[in-house]
Amino acid sequence: MAFKPRKYASLRWENLKKEKAHEGRSKIKYWKKMKREINKRFLSEHYRQENFMRQSRLVVEEYTMKFELLMLKCDIVEPKEQIIARYFGGLKKRVSNMVLL
């Protein structure tokens, strides 16, 4: 399968090939390497972190809805501090740490 970038991406791709040739680096032959080079140029440095945060937010929202539903179904009446402790106790450790921050 061939890849043919268009417009600005095409200009950037041609420039990247010239840079590599000028620096004596090898041509890009594999999709994985090309993808890495394009990502360096077009994705912000915080792209992965932003996506991780977005995914974590979705996980927390889903967990919160299930938690509240189960609390209602079980008719649990506890002090607020115990409910909060129970809530955080059910989150994954890495997500819990982020929520606490």
PDB file of N, CA and C in Angstrom:
ATOM      1  N   MET A   1       0.851  -1.181   0.000  1.00  0.00           N
ATOM      2  CA  MET A   1       0.000   0.000   0.000  1.00  0.00           C
ATOM      3  C   MET A   1       0.895   1.241   0.000  1.00  0.00           C
ATOM      4  N   ALA A   2       0.611   2.167  -0.869  1.00  0.00           N
ATOM      5  CA  ALA A   2       1.425   3.374  -0.995  1.00  0.00           C
ATOM      6  C   ALA A   2       0.809   4.512  -0.193  1.00  0.00           C
ATOM      7  N   PHE A   3       1.672   5.385   0.273  1.00  0.00           N
ATOM      8  CA  PHE A   3       1.247   6.548   1.033  1.00  0.00           C
ATOM      9  C   PHE A   3       1.618   7.782   0.232  1.00  0.00           C
ATOM     10  N   LYS A   4       0.647   8.650  -0.021  1.00  0.00           N
ATOM     11  CA  LYS A   4       0.912   9.875  -0.773  1.00  0.00           C
ATOM     12  C   LYS A   4       0.323  11.048  -0.007  1.00  0.00           C
ATOM     13  N   PRO A   5       1.167  11.764   0.748  1.00  0.00           N
ATOM     14  CA  PRO A   5       0.664  12.925   1.483  1.00  0.00           C
ATOM     15  C   PRO A   5       0.242  14.035   0.529  1.00  0.00           C
ATOM     16  N   ARG A   6      -0.666  14.891   1.000  1.00  0.00           N
ATOM     17  CA  ARG A   6      -1.160  15.988   0.166  1.00  0.00           C
ATOM     18  C   ARG A   6      -0.954  17.321   0.875  1.00  0.00           C
ATOM     19  N   LYS A   7      -0.983  18.378   0.099  1.00  0.00           N
ATOM     20  CA  LYS A   7      -0.890  19.764   0.559  1.00  0.00           C
ATOM     21  C   LYS A   7       0.321  19.977   1.475  1.00  0.00           C
ATOM     22  N   TYR A   8       0.084  20.542   2.661  1.00  0.00           N
ATOM     23  CA  TYR A   8       1.189  20.868   3.567  1.00  0.00           C
ATOM     24  C   TYR A   8       1.970  19.624   3.958  1.00  0.00           C
ATOM     25  N   ALA A   9       1.277  18.520   4.174  1.00  0.00           N
ATOM     26  CA  ALA A   9       1.960  17.283   4.561  1.00  0.00           C
ATOM     27  C   ALA A   9       2.914  16.839   3.457  1.00  0.00           C
ATOM     28  N   SER A  10       2.525  17.056   2.198  1.00  0.00           N
ATOM     29  CA  SER A  10       3.388  16.697   1.072  1.00  0.00           C
ATOM     30  C   SER A  10       4.653  17.557   1.069  1.00  0.00           C
ATOM     31  N   LEU A  11       4.487  18.857   1.307  1.00  0.00           N
ATOM     32  CA  LEU A  11       5.648  19.746   1.376  1.00  0.00           C
ATOM     33  C   LEU A  11       6.572  19.342   2.527  1.00  0.00           C
ATOM     34  N   ARG A  12       5.969  19.052   3.666  1.00  0.00           N
ATOM     35  CA  ARG A  12       6.751  18.647   4.841  1.00  0.00           C
ATOM     36  C   ARG A  12       7.481  17.339   4.565  1.00  0.00           C
ATOM     37  N   TRP A  13       6.805  16.418   3.905  1.00  0.00           N
ATOM     38  CA  TRP A  13       7.407  15.117   3.595  1.00  0.00           C
ATOM     39  C   TRP A  13       8.616  15.292   2.671  1.00  0.00           C
ATOM     40  N   GLU A  14       8.465  16.109   1.628  1.00  0.00           N
ATOM     41  CA  GLU A  14       9.572  16.351   0.695  1.00  0.00           C
ATOM     42  C   GLU A  14      10.739  17.026   1.425  1.00  0.00           C
ATOM     43  N   ASN A  15      10.428  17.973   2.293  1.00  0.00           N
ATOM     44  CA  ASN A  15      11.460  18.652   3.065  1.00  0.00           C
ATOM     45  C   ASN A  15      12.180  17.667   3.990  1.00  0.00           C
ATOM     46  N   LEU A  16      11.433  16.778   4.609  1.00  0.00           N
ATOM     47  CA  LEU A  16      12.022  15.772   5.493  1.00  0.00           C
ATOM     48  C   LEU A  16      12.983  14.863   4.719  1.00  0.00           C
ATOM     49  N   LYS A  17      12.574  14.455   3.512  1.00  0.00           N
ATOM     50  CA  LYS A  17      13.450  13.608   2.694  1.00  0.00           C
ATOM     51  C   LYS A  17      14.750  14.341   2.345  1.00  0.00           C
ATOM     52  N   LYS A  18      14.640  15.630   2.011  1.00  0.00           N
ATOM     53  CA  LYS A  18      15.828  16.425   1.684  1.00  0.00           C
ATOM     54  C   LYS A  18      16.744  16.573   2.904  1.00  0.00           C
ATOM     55  N   GLU A  19      16.144  16.840   4.062  1.00  0.00           N
ATOM     56  CA  GLU A  19      16.925  16.957   5.307  1.00  0.00           C
ATOM     57  C   GLU A  19      17.702  15.670   5.586  1.00  0.00           C
ATOM     58  N   LYS A  20      17.026  14.544   5.448  1.00  0.00           N
ATOM     59  CA  LYS A  20      17.667  13.255   5.720  1.00  0.00           C
ATOM     60  C   LYS A  20      18.817  13.014   4.747  1.00  0.00           C
ATOM     61  N   ALA A  21      18.602  13.329   3.467  1.00  0.00           N
ATOM     62  CA  ALA A  21      19.647  13.136   2.455  1.00  0.00           C
ATOM     63  C   ALA A  21      20.825  14.063   2.728  1.00  0.00           C
ATOM     64  N   HIS A  22      20.535  15.309   3.084  1.00  0.00           N
ATOM     65  CA  HIS A  22      21.577  16.296   3.370  1.00  0.00           C
ATOM     66  C   HIS A  22      22.419  15.873   4.582  1.00  0.00           C
ATOM     67  N   GLU A  23      21.770  15.298   5.577  1.00  0.00           N
ATOM     68  CA  GLU A  23      22.470  14.866   6.796  1.00  0.00           C
ATOM     69  C   GLU A  23      23.099  13.478   6.647  1.00  0.00           C
ATOM     70  N   GLY A  24      22.873  12.842   5.498  1.00  0.00           N
ATOM     71  CA  GLY A  24      23.456  11.529   5.261  1.00  0.00           C
ATOM     72  C   GLY A  24      22.734  10.398   5.986  1.00  0.00           C
ATOM     73  N   ARG A  25      21.522  10.649   6.438  1.00  0.00           N
ATOM     74  CA  ARG A  25      20.755   9.607   7.115  1.00  0.00           C
ATOM     75  C   ARG A  25      20.045   8.739   6.082  1.00  0.00           C
ATOM     76  N   SER A  26      19.701   7.523   6.468  1.00  0.00           N
ATOM     77  CA  SER A  26      19.065   6.594   5.537  1.00  0.00           C
ATOM     78  C   SER A  26      17.619   7.000   5.238  1.00  0.00           C
ATOM     79  N   LYS A  27      17.131   6.545   4.070  1.00  0.00           N
ATOM     80  CA  LYS A  27      15.759   6.816   3.680  1.00  0.00           C
ATOM     81  C   LYS A  27      14.797   6.099   4.621  1.00  0.00           C
ATOM     82  N   ILE A  28      13.607   6.632   4.690  1.00  0.00           N
ATOM     83  CA  ILE A  28      12.565   5.977   5.477  1.00  0.00           C
ATOM     84  C   ILE A  28      11.934   4.908   4.599  1.00  0.00           C
ATOM     85  N   LYS A  29      12.040   3.658   5.053  1.00  0.00           N
ATOM     86  CA  LYS A  29      11.520   2.539   4.270  1.00  0.00           C
ATOM     87  C   LYS A  29      10.298   1.898   4.907  1.00  0.00           C
ATOM     88  N   TYR A  30      10.118   2.110   6.177  1.00  0.00           N
ATOM     89  CA  TYR A  30       9.051   1.405   6.886  1.00  0.00           C
ATOM     90  C   TYR A  30       8.037   2.373   7.460  1.00  0.00           C
ATOM     91  N   TRP A  31       6.770   1.936   7.479  1.00  0.00           N
ATOM     92  CA  TRP A  31       5.667   2.744   7.964  1.00  0.00           C
ATOM     93  C   TRP A  31       5.899   3.230   9.392  1.00  0.00           C
ATOM     94  N   LYS A  32       6.394   2.356  10.258  1.00  0.00           N
ATOM     95  CA  LYS A  32       6.582   2.712  11.665  1.00  0.00           C
ATOM     96  C   LYS A  32       7.520   3.919  11.803  1.00  0.00           C
ATOM     97  N   LYS A  33       8.606   3.918  11.043  1.00  0.00           N
ATOM     98  CA  LYS A  33       9.564   5.017  11.110  1.00  0.00           C
ATOM     99  C   LYS A  33       8.969   6.305  10.529  1.00  0.00           C
ATOM    100  N   MET A  34       8.231   6.173   9.415  1.00  0.00           N
ATOM    101  CA  MET A  34       7.613   7.345   8.818  1.00  0.00           C
ATOM    102  C   MET A  34       6.586   7.946   9.776  1.00  0.00           C
ATOM    103  N   LYS A  35       5.805   7.092  10.402  1.00  0.00           N
ATOM    104  CA  LYS A  35       4.793   7.552  11.349  1.00  0.00           C
ATOM    105  C   LYS A  35       5.454   8.318  12.502  1.00  0.00           C
ATOM    106  N   ARG A  36       6.578   7.801  12.999  1.00  0.00           N
ATOM    107  CA  ARG A  36       7.293   8.461  14.090  1.00  0.00           C
ATOM    108  C   ARG A  36       7.780   9.847  13.662  1.00  0.00           C
ATOM    109  N   GLU A  37       8.314   9.961  12.459  1.00  0.00           N
ATOM    110  CA  GLU A  37       8.801  11.241  11.946  1.00  0.00           C
ATOM    111  C   GLU A  37       7.657  12.245  11.767  1.00  0.00           C
ATOM    112  N   ILE A  38       6.546  11.779  11.229  1.00  0.00           N
ATOM    113  CA  ILE A  38       5.393  12.661  11.031  1.00  0.00           C
ATOM    114  C   ILE A  38       4.828  13.101  12.378  1.00  0.00           C
ATOM    115  N   ASN A  39       4.743  12.171  13.326  1.00  0.00           N
ATOM    116  CA  ASN A  39       4.232  12.516  14.659  1.00  0.00           C
ATOM    117  C   ASN A  39       5.097  13.560  15.345  1.00  0.00           C
ATOM    118  N   LYS A  40       6.414  13.463  15.163  1.00  0.00           N
ATOM    119  CA  LYS A  40       7.315  14.453  15.758  1.00  0.00           C
ATOM    120  C   LYS A  40       6.964  15.853  15.282  1.00  0.00           C
ATOM    121  N   ARG A  41       6.598  15.956  14.021  1.00  0.00           N
ATOM    122  CA  ARG A  41       6.336  17.265  13.421  1.00  0.00           C
ATOM    123  C   ARG A  41       4.925  17.779  13.695  1.00  0.00           C
ATOM    124  N   PHE A  42       3.932  16.892  13.624  1.00  0.00           N
ATOM    125  CA  PHE A  42       2.552  17.348  13.643  1.00  0.00           C
ATOM    126  C   PHE A  42       1.832  17.199  14.978  1.00  0.00           C
ATOM    127  N   LEU A  43       2.336  16.408  15.880  1.00  0.00           N
ATOM    128  CA  LEU A  43       1.674  16.228  17.166  1.00  0.00           C
ATOM    129  C   LEU A  43       2.395  17.025  18.238  1.00  0.00           C
ATOM    130  N   SER A  44       1.622  17.623  19.127  1.00  0.00           N
ATOM    131  CA  SER A  44       2.238  18.413  20.189  1.00  0.00           C
ATOM    132  C   SER A  44       3.002  17.485  21.132  1.00  0.00           C
ATOM    133  N   GLU A  45       3.908  18.050  21.883  1.00  0.00           N
ATOM    134  CA  GLU A  45       4.698  17.266  22.831  1.00  0.00           C
ATOM    135  C   GLU A  45       3.804  16.651  23.907  1.00  0.00           C
ATOM    136  N   HIS A  46       2.677  17.273  24.143  1.00  0.00           N
ATOM    137  CA  HIS A  46       1.797  16.824  25.213  1.00  0.00           C
ATOM    138  C   HIS A  46       0.662  15.935  24.713  1.00  0.00           C
ATOM    139  N   TYR A  47       0.726  15.525  23.444  1.00  0.00           N
ATOM    140  CA  TYR A  47      -0.349  14.746  22.832  1.00  0.00           C
ATOM    141  C   TYR A  47      -0.662  13.474  23.620  1.00  0.00           C
ATOM    142  N   ARG A  48       0.367  12.700  23.942  1.00  0.00           N
ATOM    143  CA  ARG A  48       0.145  11.453  24.685  1.00  0.00           C
ATOM    144  C   ARG A  48      -0.444  11.729  26.063  1.00  0.00           C
ATOM    145  N   GLN A  49       0.085  12.732  26.744  1.00  0.00           N
ATOM    146  CA  GLN A  49      -0.410  13.069  28.072  1.00  0.00           C
ATOM    147  C   GLN A  49      -1.869  13.514  28.003  1.00  0.00           C
ATOM    148  N   GLU A  50      -2.200  14.324  26.992  1.00  0.00           N
ATOM    149  CA  GLU A  50      -3.579  14.782  26.833  1.00  0.00           C
ATOM    150  C   GLU A  50      -4.518  13.608  26.592  1.00  0.00           C
ATOM    151  N   ASN A  51      -4.110  12.669  25.743  1.00  0.00           N
ATOM    152  CA  ASN A  51      -4.935  11.492  25.475  1.00  0.00           C
ATOM    153  C   ASN A  51      -5.068  10.609  26.707  1.00  0.00           C
ATOM    154  N   PHE A  52      -3.994  10.461  27.456  1.00  0.00           N
ATOM    155  CA  PHE A  52      -4.039   9.678  28.685  1.00  0.00           C
ATOM    156  C   PHE A  52      -5.030  10.313  29.664  1.00  0.00           C
ATOM    157  N   MET A  53      -4.960  11.637  29.802  1.00  0.00           N
ATOM    158  CA  MET A  53      -5.869  12.336  30.710  1.00  0.00           C
ATOM    159  C   MET A  53      -7.318  12.181  30.253  1.00  0.00           C
ATOM    160  N   ARG A  54      -7.557  12.298  28.954  1.00  0.00           N
ATOM    161  CA  ARG A  54      -8.912  12.151  28.415  1.00  0.00           C
ATOM    162  C   ARG A  54      -9.436  10.751  28.693  1.00  0.00           C
ATOM    163  N   GLN A  55      -8.611   9.744  28.446  1.00  0.00           N
ATOM    164  CA  GLN A  55      -9.021   8.359  28.680  1.00  0.00           C
ATOM    165  C   GLN A  55      -9.265   8.118  30.164  1.00  0.00           C
ATOM    166  N   SER A  56      -8.423   8.666  31.006  1.00  0.00           N
ATOM    167  CA  SER A  56      -8.589   8.503  32.448  1.00  0.00           C
ATOM    168  C   SER A  56      -9.870   9.164  32.930  1.00  0.00           C
ATOM    169  N   ARG A  57     -10.185  10.333  32.363  1.00  0.00           N
ATOM    170  CA  ARG A  57     -11.420  11.025  32.720  1.00  0.00           C
ATOM    171  C   ARG A  57     -12.634  10.163  32.388  1.00  0.00           C
ATOM    172  N   LEU A  58     -12.599   9.511  31.201  1.00  0.00           N
ATOM    173  CA  LEU A  58     -13.703   8.647  30.805  1.00  0.00           C
ATOM    174  C   LEU A  58     -13.830   7.465  31.751  1.00  0.00           C
ATOM    175  N   VAL A  59     -12.699   6.895  32.128  1.00  0.00           N
ATOM    176  CA  VAL A  59     -12.708   5.766  33.054  1.00  0.00           C
ATOM    177  C   VAL A  59     -13.309   6.198  34.385  1.00  0.00           C
ATOM    178  N   VAL A  60     -12.905   7.340  34.884  1.00  0.00           N
ATOM    179  CA  VAL A  60     -13.398   7.839  36.169  1.00  0.00           C
ATOM    180  C   VAL A  60     -14.893   8.148  36.089  1.00  0.00           C
ATOM    181  N   GLU A  61     -15.332   8.762  34.991  1.00  0.00           N
ATOM    182  CA  GLU A  61     -16.750   9.073  34.840  1.00  0.00           C
ATOM    183  C   GLU A  61     -17.592   7.800  34.821  1.00  0.00           C
ATOM    184  N   GLU A  62     -17.134   6.795  34.098  1.00  0.00           N
ATOM    185  CA  GLU A  62     -17.850   5.513  34.037  1.00  0.00           C
ATOM    186  C   GLU A  62     -17.881   4.854  35.416  1.00  0.00           C
ATOM    187  N   TYR A  63     -16.748   4.840  36.091  1.00  0.00           N
ATOM    188  CA  TYR A  63     -16.662   4.263  37.431  1.00  0.00           C
ATOM    189  C   TYR A  63     -17.591   5.005  38.396  1.00  0.00           C
ATOM    190  N   THR A  64     -17.612   6.325  38.303  1.00  0.00           N
ATOM    191  CA  THR A  64     -18.447   7.137  39.191  1.00  0.00           C
ATOM    192  C   THR A  64     -19.921   6.806  39.005  1.00  0.00           C
ATOM    193  N   MET A  65     -20.346   6.682  37.751  1.00  0.00           N
ATOM    194  CA  MET A  65     -21.746   6.345  37.495  1.00  0.00           C
ATOM    195  C   MET A  65     -22.097   4.974  38.075  1.00  0.00           C
ATOM    196  N   LYS A  66     -21.224   3.990  37.872  1.00  0.00           N
ATOM    197  CA  LYS A  66     -21.469   2.646  38.410  1.00  0.00           C
ATOM    198  C   LYS A  66     -21.457   2.659  39.935  1.00  0.00           C
ATOM    199  N   PHE A  67     -20.522   3.410  40.504  1.00  0.00           N
ATOM    200  CA  PHE A  67     -20.407   3.508  41.961  1.00  0.00           C
ATOM    201  C   PHE A  67     -21.700   4.074  42.547  1.00  0.00           C
ATOM    202  N   GLU A  68     -22.174   5.188  41.974  1.00  0.00           N
ATOM    203  CA  GLU A  68     -23.391   5.821  42.474  1.00  0.00           C
ATOM    204  C   GLU A  68     -24.603   4.911  42.311  1.00  0.00           C
ATOM    205  N   LEU A  69     -24.682   4.214  41.189  1.00  0.00           N
ATOM    206  CA  LEU A  69     -25.787   3.291  40.953  1.00  0.00           C
ATOM    207  C   LEU A  69     -25.800   2.177  41.999  1.00  0.00           C
ATOM    208  N   LEU A  70     -24.643   1.592  42.265  1.00  0.00           N
ATOM    209  CA  LEU A  70     -24.567   0.531  43.270  1.00  0.00           C
ATOM    210  C   LEU A  70     -24.878   1.053  44.669  1.00  0.00           C
ATOM    211  N   MET A  71     -24.429   2.257  44.970  1.00  0.00           N
ATOM    212  CA  MET A  71     -24.748   2.843  46.277  1.00  0.00           C
ATOM    213  C   MET A  71     -26.265   2.990  46.444  1.00  0.00           C
ATOM    214  N   LEU A  72     -26.948   3.410  45.372  1.00  0.00           N
ATOM    215  CA  LEU A  72     -28.403   3.556  45.418  1.00  0.00           C
ATOM    216  C   LEU A  72     -29.097   2.195  45.520  1.00  0.00           C
ATOM    217  N   LYS A  73     -28.641   1.229  44.710  1.00  0.00           N
ATOM    218  CA  LYS A  73     -29.249  -0.110  44.725  1.00  0.00           C
ATOM    219  C   LYS A  73     -29.111  -0.780  46.087  1.00  0.00           C
ATOM    220  N   CYS A  74     -27.951  -0.600  46.689  1.00  0.00           N
ATOM    221  CA  CYS A  74     -27.687  -1.248  47.978  1.00  0.00           C
ATOM    222  C   CYS A  74     -28.204  -0.414  49.151  1.00  0.00           C
ATOM    223  N   ASP A  75     -28.702   0.771  48.836  1.00  0.00           N
ATOM    224  CA  ASP A  75     -29.227   1.670  49.863  1.00  0.00           C
ATOM    225  C   ASP A  75     -28.219   1.853  51.001  1.00  0.00           C
ATOM    226  N   ILE A  76     -26.974   2.149  50.624  1.00  0.00           N
ATOM    227  CA  ILE A  76     -25.911   2.331  51.610  1.00  0.00           C
ATOM    228  C   ILE A  76     -25.977   3.741  52.171  1.00  0.00           C
ATOM    229  N   VAL A  77     -26.048   3.813  53.470  1.00  0.00           N
ATOM    230  CA  VAL A  77     -26.052   5.104  54.156  1.00  0.00           C
ATOM    231  C   VAL A  77     -24.839   5.116  55.069  1.00  0.00           C
ATOM    232  N   GLU A  78     -23.851   5.924  54.683  1.00  0.00           N
ATOM    233  CA  GLU A  78     -22.603   6.025  55.444  1.00  0.00           C
ATOM    234  C   GLU A  78     -22.230   7.492  55.559  1.00  0.00           C
ATOM    235  N   PRO A  79     -21.360   7.798  56.493  1.00  0.00           N
ATOM    236  CA  PRO A  79     -20.824   9.168  56.542  1.00  0.00           C
ATOM    237  C   PRO A  79     -20.065   9.475  55.247  1.00  0.00           C
ATOM    238  N   LYS A  80     -20.049  10.730  54.892  1.00  0.00           N
ATOM    239  CA  LYS A  80     -19.409  11.171  53.649  1.00  0.00           C
ATOM    240  C   LYS A  80     -17.950  10.701  53.553  1.00  0.00           C
ATOM    241  N   GLU A  81     -17.228  10.742  54.655  1.00  0.00           N
ATOM    242  CA  GLU A  81     -15.817  10.334  54.661  1.00  0.00           C
ATOM    243  C   GLU A  81     -15.665   8.872  54.255  1.00  0.00           C
ATOM    244  N   GLN A  82     -16.569   8.009  54.722  1.00  0.00           N
ATOM    245  CA  GLN A  82     -16.503   6.581  54.376  1.00  0.00           C
ATOM    246  C   GLN A  82     -16.840   6.358  52.902  1.00  0.00           C
ATOM    247  N   ILE A  83     -17.805   7.105  52.400  1.00  0.00           N
ATOM    248  CA  ILE A  83     -18.165   6.984  50.984  1.00  0.00           C
ATOM    249  C   ILE A  83     -16.981   7.387  50.109  1.00  0.00           C
ATOM    250  N   ILE A  84     -16.331   8.484  50.469  1.00  0.00           N
ATOM    251  CA  ILE A  84     -15.165   8.952  49.701  1.00  0.00           C
ATOM    252  C   ILE A  84     -14.045   7.913  49.757  1.00  0.00           C
ATOM    253  N   ALA A  85     -13.795   7.361  50.936  1.00  0.00           N
ATOM    254  CA  ALA A  85     -12.755   6.336  51.072  1.00  0.00           C
ATOM    255  C   ALA A  85     -13.102   5.108  50.231  1.00  0.00           C
ATOM    256  N   ARG A  86     -14.359   4.688  50.247  1.00  0.00           N
ATOM    257  CA  ARG A  86     -14.804   3.537  49.452  1.00  0.00           C
ATOM    258  C   ARG A  86     -14.629   3.833  47.958  1.00  0.00           C
ATOM    259  N   TYR A  87     -14.988   5.062  47.555  1.00  0.00           N
ATOM    260  CA  TYR A  87     -14.872   5.469  46.154  1.00  0.00           C
ATOM    261  C   TYR A  87     -13.414   5.386  45.685  1.00  0.00           C
ATOM    262  N   PHE A  88     -12.513   6.037  46.430  1.00  0.00           N
ATOM    263  CA  PHE A  88     -11.102   6.029  46.032  1.00  0.00           C
ATOM    264  C   PHE A  88     -10.492   4.634  46.128  1.00  0.00           C
ATOM    265  N   GLY A  89     -10.969   3.833  47.054  1.00  0.00           N
ATOM    266  CA  GLY A  89     -10.467   2.474  47.190  1.00  0.00           C
ATOM    267  C   GLY A  89     -10.760   1.597  45.984  1.00  0.00           C
ATOM    268  N   GLY A  90     -11.815   1.928  45.243  1.00  0.00           N
ATOM    269  CA  GLY A  90     -12.177   1.145  44.064  1.00  0.00           C
ATOM    270  C   GLY A  90     -11.506   1.581  42.781  1.00  0.00           C
ATOM    271  N   LEU A  91     -10.885   2.752  42.796  1.00  0.00           N
ATOM    272  CA  LEU A  91     -10.185   3.230  41.599  1.00  0.00           C
ATOM    273  C   LEU A  91      -8.843   2.526  41.442  1.00  0.00           C
ATOM    274  N   LYS A  92      -8.384   2.419  40.207  1.00  0.00           N
ATOM    275  CA  LYS A  92      -7.030   1.917  39.973  1.00  0.00           C
ATOM    276  C   LYS A  92      -6.055   2.906  40.587  1.00  0.00           C
ATOM    277  N   LYS A  93      -4.942   2.405  41.050  1.00  0.00           N
ATOM    278  CA  LYS A  93      -3.964   3.235  41.782  1.00  0.00           C
ATOM    279  C   LYS A  93      -3.516   4.456  40.985  1.00  0.00           C
ATOM    280  N   ARG A  94      -3.151   4.271  39.720  1.00  0.00           N
ATOM    281  CA  ARG A  94      -2.648   5.399  38.914  1.00  0.00           C
ATOM    282  C   ARG A  94      -3.742   6.426  38.685  1.00  0.00           C
ATOM    283  N   VAL A  95      -4.983   5.971  38.515  1.00  0.00           N
ATOM    284  CA  VAL A  95      -6.094   6.895  38.313  1.00  0.00           C
ATOM    285  C   VAL A  95      -6.423   7.606  39.611  1.00  0.00           C
ATOM    286  N   SER A  96      -6.402   6.868  40.709  1.00  0.00           N
ATOM    287  CA  SER A  96      -6.665   7.448  42.022  1.00  0.00           C
ATOM    288  C   SER A  96      -5.671   8.562  42.330  1.00  0.00           C
ATOM    289  N   ASN A  97      -4.418   8.318  42.039  1.00  0.00           N
ATOM    290  CA  ASN A  97      -3.391   9.350  42.281  1.00  0.00           C
ATOM    291  C   ASN A  97      -3.659  10.604  41.466  1.00  0.00           C
ATOM    292  N   MET A  98      -4.087  10.436  40.217  1.00  0.00           N
ATOM    293  CA  MET A  98      -4.366  11.597  39.367  1.00  0.00           C
ATOM    294  C   MET A  98      -5.578  12.358  39.888  1.00  0.00           C
ATOM    295  N   VAL A  99      -6.607  11.629  40.314  1.00  0.00           N
ATOM    296  CA  VAL A  99      -7.813  12.283  40.815  1.00  0.00           C
ATOM    297  C   VAL A  99      -7.501  13.064  42.086  1.00  0.00           C
ATOM    298  N   LEU A 100      -6.672  12.485  42.938  1.00  0.00           N
ATOM    299  CA  LEU A 100      -6.308  13.170  44.177  1.00  0.00           C
ATOM    300  C   LEU A 100      -5.542  14.458  43.908  1.00  0.00           C
ATOM    301  N   LEU A 101      -4.737  14.463  42.830  1.00  0.00           N
ATOM    302  CA  LEU A 101      -4.004  15.681  42.477  1.00  0.00           C
ATOM    303  C   LEU A 101      -4.958  16.767  42.074  1.00  0.00           C
TER     304      LEU A 101
END
